[in-house]
Amino acid sequence: MEKILFYLEPYCFIFETEKSSLVYNTLNAAYIKTDNLVIREILSKLQDVSNGYSVELSAETLHDKEFCAWYHEIRESFSGDIVRLDSTQKKPFIFRPRLRIYNDINTIRKENGRSLGESILRNLSEVTFYMSSECDRGCTYCNQYYKQFNHCTCFTSVDSPNLDEKDYAEILKRLEAAGLQRVNFVVGNNFASCKNFMYVWNNLSAYPFHAYIYMPYQTSVDFLIPYLKERNSKLNIYIHSVAELKEIIAKKDKYSDDSISWLMPVSSEKDLSVISNMETMNNLQILPFYTGDNLKFFEDYVYMSLYDLLEAPITKKSIYRRQVLNENFYGKLYIYPNGDVYANVNRSRLGNIKEHLLAELVYNEMNSEETWLQSRDAFPKCQSCVNRYLCPSISNYELVIGKTDLCKDMH
């Protein structure tokens, strides 16, 4: 007796909510959504591992008009097909996409702290130091920029004194021992007044780190440029006005080094219009900045539509990651001038680098599941959305705006 089986390819994911089901093809970004109950039942059966990503179809289903139209989409997008088997043929077994985690937080907890060593430090990928320095720029958004991207701010250490040169030397040794590859240094307007940064800068070549330095534009920045490659460093310079941008463009030959990037916060359509009508540099990056009263600008230029989401295929690895962690935050620590450590500057303090081992700080973050392991499942509006594992992870913009669904035409 002939059997008719419907199957999906192993590079396709099934996502389901109470109201709809979605088949997503990671090779070509085919996006096939349905609320048909017959089709949803088929997809539900495919989710059963024992079925091997295939399910037998009834004659009634094969003649269902909505199923036939849906099947045509599946077949035309190379997402699946129908196969006919006689009684002598065995049913094919296709391994559906399935997430396996070998070193999750539950495993770490069960180890009773034995993981507080090299293994847990493998989760650490990037550390950012905020370096204290004198500043007289008086930026309107001084205490808001750094909440959205790596940017200097004026820190006042009331509870404890700032780290000194010996502290930084010890911390950098600990980071080197942990095998860290990337370290960021965020410096204020007057880096010459920051003895700690000058100490670090003069000793960078002794460490294997890729060092990224973030600072506002100032004429004294020229001092650093000849040494960037020698110290395995990249300079990221903030431009805060059109006047500064014009000054830099006039000297662009001087700043043509590929180790220099220019970053410009933009908060309005007018800003974008002015910049677009000017000559600029290839290495200029525009950063949307939320001021508290420019949500319309974000809705027009930052919010993601379904078209944006499907513009390029989303890989299986990205989808797996987004199910269990935050791609934007995972593996990052931020150290303030007084040694306080955060997994995200918009979240709770984890501890102090002078009082805690690096492994303890990493464990504290992973155990809290507040930042690194925060997927979109943690937010009610995203929980009910069939696209939640396709969307990029929550970013600082969502945390600052206080709105998790920076999207349109997606639900």
Protein backbone atom coordinates (compact mmCIF):
# COMPACT_ATOMS: atom_id res chain seq x y z
CA MET A 1 0.00 0.00 0.00
CA GLU A 2 1.38 3.40 -0.97
CA LYS A 3 2.17 5.97 1.71
CA ILE A 4 2.38 9.68 1.05
CA LEU A 5 4.75 11.56 3.35
CA PHE A 6 5.24 15.27 3.73
CA TYR A 7 8.68 16.37 5.01
CA LEU A 8 10.62 19.52 5.77
CA GLU A 9 14.28 20.07 5.01
CA PRO A 10 16.66 20.05 8.02
CA TYR A 11 17.60 23.70 7.44
CA CYS A 12 14.01 24.82 8.06
CA PHE A 13 12.60 25.84 11.45
CA ILE A 14 9.04 25.64 12.71
CA PHE A 15 7.87 28.38 15.09
CA GLU A 16 4.46 28.30 16.73
CA THR A 17 2.21 30.53 18.83
CA GLU A 18 -1.39 30.12 19.90
CA LYS A 19 -2.64 31.79 16.73
CA SER A 20 -0.20 30.89 13.97
CA SER A 21 2.66 28.68 12.76
CA LEU A 22 5.67 29.62 10.68
CA VAL A 23 8.14 27.71 8.52
CA TYR A 24 11.41 29.60 8.06
CA ASN A 25 14.10 28.54 5.60
CA THR A 26 17.61 29.54 6.80
CA LEU A 27 19.14 29.17 3.33
CA ASN A 28 16.97 31.58 1.37
CA ALA A 29 14.89 33.41 4.03
CA ALA A 30 11.62 31.89 2.78
CA TYR A 31 8.95 32.85 5.31
CA ILE A 32 5.75 30.80 5.15
CA LYS A 33 3.18 31.62 7.81
CA THR A 34 -0.24 30.04 8.34
CA ASP A 35 -3.18 30.01 10.72
CA ASN A 36 -4.89 27.05 9.00
CA LEU A 37 -5.72 24.38 11.61
CA VAL A 38 -5.06 21.41 9.31
CA ILE A 39 -1.61 22.69 8.38
CA ARG A 40 -0.86 23.64 11.97
CA GLU A 41 -1.65 20.10 13.09
CA ILE A 42 0.79 18.74 10.49
CA LEU A 43 3.50 21.11 11.68
CA SER A 44 2.82 20.15 15.28
CA LYS A 45 3.40 16.48 14.40
CA LEU A 46 6.64 17.39 12.66
CA GLN A 47 7.85 18.87 15.95
CA ASP A 48 7.73 15.38 17.46
CA VAL A 49 11.31 14.10 17.24
CA SER A 50 10.19 10.51 16.75
CA ASN A 51 8.52 11.43 13.45
CA GLY A 52 11.82 12.31 11.81
CA TYR A 53 10.61 15.62 10.34
CA SER A 54 8.09 13.85 8.15
CA VAL A 55 4.42 12.92 8.54
CA GLU A 56 1.98 10.78 6.60
CA LEU A 57 -0.79 12.66 4.81
CA SER A 58 -4.38 11.55 4.37
CA ALA A 59 -6.18 11.64 1.03
CA GLU A 60 -8.46 14.29 2.47
CA THR A 61 -5.53 16.55 3.30
CA LEU A 62 -4.05 16.11 -0.17
CA HIS A 63 -7.24 17.51 -1.68
CA ASP A 64 -7.56 20.40 0.75
CA LYS A 65 -7.24 23.65 -1.26
CA GLU A 66 -5.50 25.63 1.51
CA PHE A 67 -3.04 22.81 2.13
CA CYS A 68 -2.28 22.55 -1.59
CA ALA A 69 -1.60 26.29 -1.85
CA TRP A 70 0.62 26.15 1.26
CA TYR A 71 2.44 23.06 0.00
CA HIS A 72 3.14 24.84 -3.29
CA GLU A 73 4.91 27.63 -1.33
CA ILE A 74 6.90 25.07 0.63
CA ARG A 75 8.00 23.20 -2.48
CA GLU A 76 8.77 26.29 -4.56
CA SER A 77 10.97 27.66 -1.77
CA PHE A 78 12.88 24.33 -1.47
CA SER A 79 11.72 24.04 2.13
CA GLY A 80 10.13 20.60 1.86
CA ASP A 81 8.24 18.21 -0.40
CA ILE A 82 6.05 15.12 -0.66
CA VAL A 83 7.46 11.65 -1.18
CA ARG A 84 5.54 8.50 -2.10
CA LEU A 85 6.65 5.19 -0.59
CA ASP A 86 5.52 1.65 -1.30
CA SER A 87 5.26 -1.04 1.36
CA THR A 88 8.88 -2.15 0.87
CA GLN A 89 10.43 1.29 1.43
CA LYS A 90 11.40 2.60 4.82
CA LYS A 91 10.34 6.01 5.98
CA PRO A 92 13.24 8.51 5.69
CA PHE A 93 14.45 10.03 8.95
CA ILE A 94 15.43 13.69 8.81
CA PHE A 95 17.07 15.33 11.80
CA ARG A 96 15.11 18.48 12.51
CA PRO A 97 16.89 21.60 13.84
CA ARG A 98 17.26 21.09 17.58
CA LEU A 99 19.13 23.07 20.19
CA ARG A 100 21.56 21.21 22.43
CA ILE A 101 23.33 23.02 25.27
CA TYR A 102 26.26 21.31 26.96
CA ASN A 103 27.37 24.01 29.38
CA ASP A 104 24.26 25.98 30.32
CA ILE A 105 23.67 27.72 33.64
CA ASN A 106 21.81 24.74 35.10
CA THR A 107 24.88 22.56 34.51
CA ILE A 108 27.10 25.19 36.10
CA ARG A 109 24.83 25.38 39.16
CA LYS A 110 24.86 21.60 39.58
CA GLU A 111 28.65 21.63 39.64
CA ASN A 112 28.48 23.44 42.98
CA GLY A 113 31.03 26.07 42.04
CA ARG A 114 33.57 23.71 40.48
CA SER A 115 33.11 25.64 37.25
CA LEU A 116 34.42 28.84 38.84
CA GLY A 117 37.65 28.57 36.93
CA GLU A 118 38.81 28.34 33.35
CA SER A 119 35.62 26.80 31.99
CA ILE A 120 33.28 29.58 33.12
CA LEU A 121 35.72 32.27 31.94
CA ARG A 122 35.35 30.93 28.39
CA ASN A 123 32.03 32.76 28.40
CA LEU A 124 33.83 36.11 28.76
CA SER A 125 34.68 37.68 25.40
CA GLU A 126 34.96 41.45 25.91
CA VAL A 127 35.70 43.88 28.76
CA THR A 128 35.13 47.64 28.61
CA PHE A 129 36.93 50.04 30.96
CA TYR A 130 35.50 53.49 31.61
CA MET A 131 38.56 55.62 32.32
CA SER A 132 38.17 58.63 34.60
CA SER A 133 39.50 61.91 33.22
CA GLU A 134 38.87 65.63 33.50
CA CYS A 135 36.24 66.96 31.14
CA ASP A 136 34.89 70.45 30.50
CA ARG A 137 32.86 69.82 27.33
CA GLY A 138 29.53 69.99 29.16
CA CYS A 139 27.74 67.68 26.70
CA THR A 140 23.95 67.97 26.95
CA TYR A 141 23.60 64.21 26.91
CA CYS A 142 26.71 63.38 28.97
CA ASN A 143 24.88 60.90 31.19
CA GLN A 144 22.82 59.37 28.38
CA TYR A 145 25.22 58.55 25.54
CA TYR A 146 27.00 55.75 27.40
CA LYS A 147 23.70 54.01 28.16
CA GLN A 148 23.26 53.32 24.43
CA PHE A 149 26.79 52.72 23.08
CA ASN A 150 30.41 52.88 24.25
CA HIS A 151 30.85 56.56 25.06
CA CYS A 152 32.54 58.57 27.79
CA THR A 153 30.60 60.07 30.68
CA CYS A 154 31.47 61.95 33.86
CA PHE A 155 31.78 59.46 36.72
CA THR A 156 31.85 60.56 40.34
CA SER A 157 33.14 57.88 42.70
CA VAL A 158 31.56 58.60 46.05
CA ASP A 159 31.48 55.15 47.65
CA SER A 160 35.01 54.02 46.79
CA PRO A 161 38.22 55.49 45.34
CA ASN A 162 39.14 55.05 41.70
CA LEU A 163 41.37 52.24 40.50
CA ASP A 164 45.06 53.15 40.25
CA GLU A 165 47.88 52.03 37.95
CA LYS A 166 48.68 48.95 40.05
CA ASP A 167 45.02 47.92 39.95
CA TYR A 168 44.93 48.17 36.15
CA ALA A 169 48.19 46.22 35.85
CA GLU A 170 46.71 43.41 37.98
CA ILE A 171 43.37 43.40 36.15
CA LEU A 172 45.02 43.26 32.71
CA LYS A 173 47.13 40.29 33.84
CA ARG A 174 43.96 38.52 34.99
CA LEU A 175 42.28 39.22 31.66
CA GLU A 176 45.32 37.93 29.77
CA ALA A 177 45.31 34.74 31.86
CA ALA A 178 41.63 34.29 31.02
CA GLY A 179 42.50 34.36 27.32
CA LEU A 180 40.50 37.50 26.58
CA GLN A 181 40.93 38.84 23.05
CA ARG A 182 39.17 42.22 23.10
CA VAL A 183 39.44 45.08 25.59
CA ASN A 184 37.79 48.50 25.18
CA PHE A 185 38.95 51.71 26.82
CA VAL A 186 36.46 54.59 26.96
CA VAL A 187 38.29 57.86 27.57
CA GLY A 188 36.99 61.37 28.19
CA ASN A 189 37.75 64.71 26.60
CA ASN A 190 41.20 65.14 28.10
CA PHE A 191 43.03 61.82 27.98
CA ALA A 192 46.31 63.53 28.87
CA SER A 193 44.84 64.18 32.34
CA CYS A 194 44.04 60.50 32.76
CA LYS A 195 47.18 58.95 34.20
CA ASN A 196 45.60 55.53 34.29
CA PHE A 197 44.84 55.57 30.58
CA MET A 198 48.34 56.82 29.73
CA TYR A 199 49.77 53.98 31.82
CA VAL A 200 47.62 51.44 29.98
CA TRP A 201 48.40 53.00 26.60
CA ASN A 202 52.14 52.88 27.20
CA ASN A 203 51.98 49.21 28.17
CA LEU A 204 49.47 47.86 25.64
CA SER A 205 52.09 46.25 23.43
CA ALA A 206 52.92 43.88 26.32
CA TYR A 207 49.47 42.26 26.06
CA PRO A 208 47.87 40.14 23.32
CA PHE A 209 44.57 42.07 23.39
CA HIS A 210 42.92 43.76 20.47
CA ALA A 211 42.43 47.17 22.09
CA TYR A 212 39.59 49.47 21.01
CA ILE A 213 39.75 53.05 22.25
CA TYR A 214 36.64 55.24 22.31
CA MET A 215 36.96 58.99 22.78
CA PRO A 216 35.43 62.29 21.63
CA TYR A 217 37.16 64.23 18.88
CA GLN A 218 39.99 66.50 20.06
CA THR A 219 43.12 67.81 18.38
CA SER A 220 45.38 65.91 20.78
CA VAL A 221 44.09 62.65 19.34
CA ASP A 222 46.82 62.95 16.71
CA PHE A 223 49.32 61.82 19.35
CA LEU A 224 47.90 58.27 19.36
CA ILE A 225 47.68 57.63 15.61
CA PRO A 226 51.33 56.64 14.85
CA TYR A 227 51.22 53.93 17.52
CA LEU A 228 47.89 52.22 16.74
CA LYS A 229 49.16 49.25 14.71
CA GLU A 230 52.17 48.76 16.97
CA ARG A 231 49.85 48.37 19.96
CA ASN A 232 47.24 46.29 18.13
CA SER A 233 44.74 49.09 18.66
CA LYS A 234 41.82 50.68 16.88
CA LEU A 235 40.67 54.23 17.52
CA ASN A 236 36.96 55.05 17.55
CA ILE A 237 36.41 58.82 17.64
CA TYR A 238 33.08 60.48 18.33
CA ILE A 239 31.95 63.51 16.36
CA HIS A 240 29.26 65.58 18.05
CA SER A 241 28.63 68.41 15.61
CA VAL A 242 28.64 69.31 11.93
CA ALA A 243 31.42 71.80 12.66
CA GLU A 244 33.64 68.99 13.96
CA LEU A 245 32.74 66.84 10.96
CA LYS A 246 33.75 69.64 8.55
CA GLU A 247 37.05 70.10 10.38
CA ILE A 248 37.82 66.39 10.12
CA ILE A 249 36.86 66.21 6.44
CA ALA A 250 39.26 69.08 5.75
CA LYS A 251 42.03 66.94 7.28
CA LYS A 252 40.83 63.58 5.97
CA ASP A 253 44.19 62.69 4.42
CA LYS A 254 45.71 63.01 7.86
CA TYR A 255 43.09 60.64 9.27
CA SER A 256 43.10 58.06 6.47
CA ASP A 257 44.58 55.31 8.66
CA ASP A 258 42.35 52.21 8.52
CA SER A 259 42.76 51.84 12.29
CA ILE A 260 40.54 54.90 12.80
CA SER A 261 36.75 54.91 12.74
CA TRP A 262 34.48 57.92 13.16
CA LEU A 263 31.23 57.62 15.08
CA MET A 264 28.49 60.26 14.96
CA PRO A 265 25.38 60.14 17.18
CA VAL A 266 22.32 61.28 15.22
CA SER A 267 18.95 62.01 16.79
CA SER A 268 16.81 63.59 14.05
CA GLU A 269 15.92 63.44 10.38
CA LYS A 270 17.39 66.94 10.04
CA ASP A 271 20.78 65.66 11.24
CA LEU A 272 20.66 62.88 8.66
CA SER A 273 19.73 65.32 5.91
CA VAL A 274 22.63 67.65 6.70
CA ILE A 275 25.14 64.79 6.76
CA SER A 276 23.83 63.24 3.55
CA ASN A 277 24.39 66.53 1.72
CA MET A 278 28.00 66.77 2.86
CA GLU A 279 31.17 65.10 1.73
CA THR A 280 31.99 62.42 4.31
CA MET A 281 34.50 59.63 4.94
CA ASN A 282 34.08 55.94 4.16
CA ASN A 283 34.76 55.03 7.77
CA LEU A 284 32.02 57.26 9.22
CA GLN A 285 29.38 55.34 11.16
CA ILE A 286 26.04 56.92 12.03
CA LEU A 287 24.68 55.93 15.46
CA PRO A 288 20.98 56.55 16.21
CA PHE A 289 20.67 58.27 19.60
CA TYR A 290 17.52 58.33 21.72
CA THR A 291 17.13 61.68 23.51
CA GLY A 292 13.89 60.88 25.34
CA ASP A 293 11.66 62.85 22.99
CA ASN A 294 12.55 61.61 19.49
CA LEU A 295 10.65 58.32 19.38
CA LYS A 296 9.21 59.27 15.96
CA PHE A 297 12.75 59.38 14.56
CA PHE A 298 13.34 55.85 15.87
CA GLU A 299 10.04 54.64 14.47
CA ASP A 300 11.02 55.96 11.03
CA TYR A 301 14.68 54.97 10.92
CA VAL A 302 15.43 52.33 13.57
CA TYR A 303 12.32 50.17 13.99
CA MET A 304 12.46 46.91 12.05
CA SER A 305 9.79 45.80 9.60
CA LEU A 306 9.13 42.28 8.37
CA TYR A 307 10.76 43.32 5.08
CA ASP A 308 13.93 44.33 6.97
CA LEU A 309 13.90 41.07 8.91
CA LEU A 310 13.70 38.93 5.77
CA GLU A 311 16.16 40.94 3.70
CA ALA A 312 18.89 38.34 4.27
CA PRO A 313 18.78 34.73 5.53
CA ILE A 314 19.16 34.26 9.29
CA THR A 315 21.53 31.41 10.06
CA LYS A 316 20.71 28.34 12.13
CA LYS A 317 23.39 29.35 14.63
CA SER A 318 21.84 32.78 15.11
CA ILE A 319 18.41 31.27 15.71
CA TYR A 320 19.85 28.79 18.21
CA ARG A 321 21.66 31.57 20.07
CA ARG A 322 18.60 33.81 20.21
CA GLN A 323 16.62 31.05 21.89
CA VAL A 324 18.90 30.95 24.95
CA LEU A 325 20.97 34.12 25.18
CA ASN A 326 21.30 37.76 24.18
CA GLU A 327 23.62 38.16 21.20
CA ASN A 328 24.20 41.85 21.95
CA PHE A 329 25.13 41.46 25.62
CA TYR A 330 26.54 37.96 26.06
CA GLY A 331 30.14 37.71 27.24
CA LYS A 332 30.64 41.42 27.97
CA LEU A 333 31.60 43.13 31.23
CA TYR A 334 31.89 46.87 31.96
CA ILE A 335 34.26 48.19 34.62
CA TYR A 336 33.73 51.67 36.07
CA PRO A 337 36.61 53.88 37.30
CA ASN A 338 36.00 52.74 40.91
CA GLY A 339 36.09 49.05 39.94
CA ASP A 340 32.34 48.38 39.96
CA VAL A 341 31.44 45.76 37.36
CA TYR A 342 28.28 45.49 35.25
CA ALA A 343 27.15 43.05 32.56
CA ASN A 344 25.29 46.01 31.05
CA VAL A 345 25.36 49.66 32.12
CA ASN A 346 21.55 49.65 32.23
CA ARG A 347 21.44 46.70 34.64
CA SER A 348 22.35 45.91 38.25
CA ARG A 349 25.90 45.98 39.61
CA LEU A 350 27.55 42.53 39.76
CA GLY A 351 30.34 43.36 42.19
CA ASN A 352 33.73 45.08 42.29
CA ILE A 353 36.81 43.92 40.39
CA LYS A 354 39.03 44.52 43.46
CA GLU A 355 36.81 42.40 45.69
CA HIS A 356 35.76 39.54 43.39
CA LEU A 357 37.43 37.05 41.09
CA LEU A 358 36.60 37.36 37.41
CA ALA A 359 35.04 33.89 37.56
CA GLU A 360 32.79 35.00 40.43
CA LEU A 361 31.59 38.01 38.46
CA VAL A 362 30.84 35.88 35.40
CA TYR A 363 29.03 33.34 37.56
CA ASN A 364 27.00 36.10 39.25
CA GLU A 365 25.80 37.31 35.86
CA MET A 366 25.01 33.88 34.46
CA ASN A 367 23.25 32.86 37.66
CA SER A 368 21.10 36.01 37.65
CA GLU A 369 20.09 35.46 33.99
CA GLU A 370 19.43 39.22 33.93
CA THR A 371 21.47 40.24 30.91
CA TRP A 372 23.63 37.66 29.12
CA LEU A 373 20.94 34.98 29.11
CA GLN A 374 17.98 37.26 28.49
CA SER A 375 16.20 36.16 25.31
CA ARG A 376 13.00 37.65 23.94
CA ASP A 377 11.09 34.96 25.82
CA ALA A 378 11.53 37.14 28.92
CA PHE A 379 9.24 39.86 27.52
CA PRO A 380 5.43 39.40 27.29
CA LYS A 381 5.00 41.20 23.96
CA CYS A 382 7.69 39.05 22.37
CA GLN A 383 6.49 35.78 23.93
CA SER A 384 3.35 35.85 21.80
CA CYS A 385 5.18 36.71 18.56
CA VAL A 386 6.02 33.96 16.09
CA ASN A 387 9.08 35.96 14.94
CA ARG A 388 10.79 36.23 18.32
CA TYR A 389 13.74 33.96 17.46
CA LEU A 390 14.22 35.61 14.08
CA CYS A 391 14.43 39.13 15.53
CA PRO A 392 17.78 40.44 16.79
CA SER A 393 18.25 40.19 20.54
CA ILE A 394 17.15 43.01 22.84
CA SER A 395 19.63 45.91 22.65
CA ASN A 396 20.41 48.96 24.76
CA TYR A 397 17.90 50.92 22.69
CA GLU A 398 15.04 48.79 23.98
CA LEU A 399 16.29 49.11 27.56
CA VAL A 400 16.64 52.90 27.35
CA ILE A 401 13.36 53.48 25.52
CA GLY A 402 11.54 51.05 27.81
CA LYS A 403 9.88 49.27 24.91
CA THR A 404 10.88 45.76 23.82
CA ASP A 405 9.14 45.59 20.45
CA LEU A 406 10.93 48.13 18.26
CA CYS A 407 9.19 46.74 15.23
CA LYS A 408 6.33 47.44 12.84
CA ASP A 409 4.04 45.15 10.83
CA MET A 410 5.52 42.14 12.61
CA HIS A 411 2.87 40.76 14.96
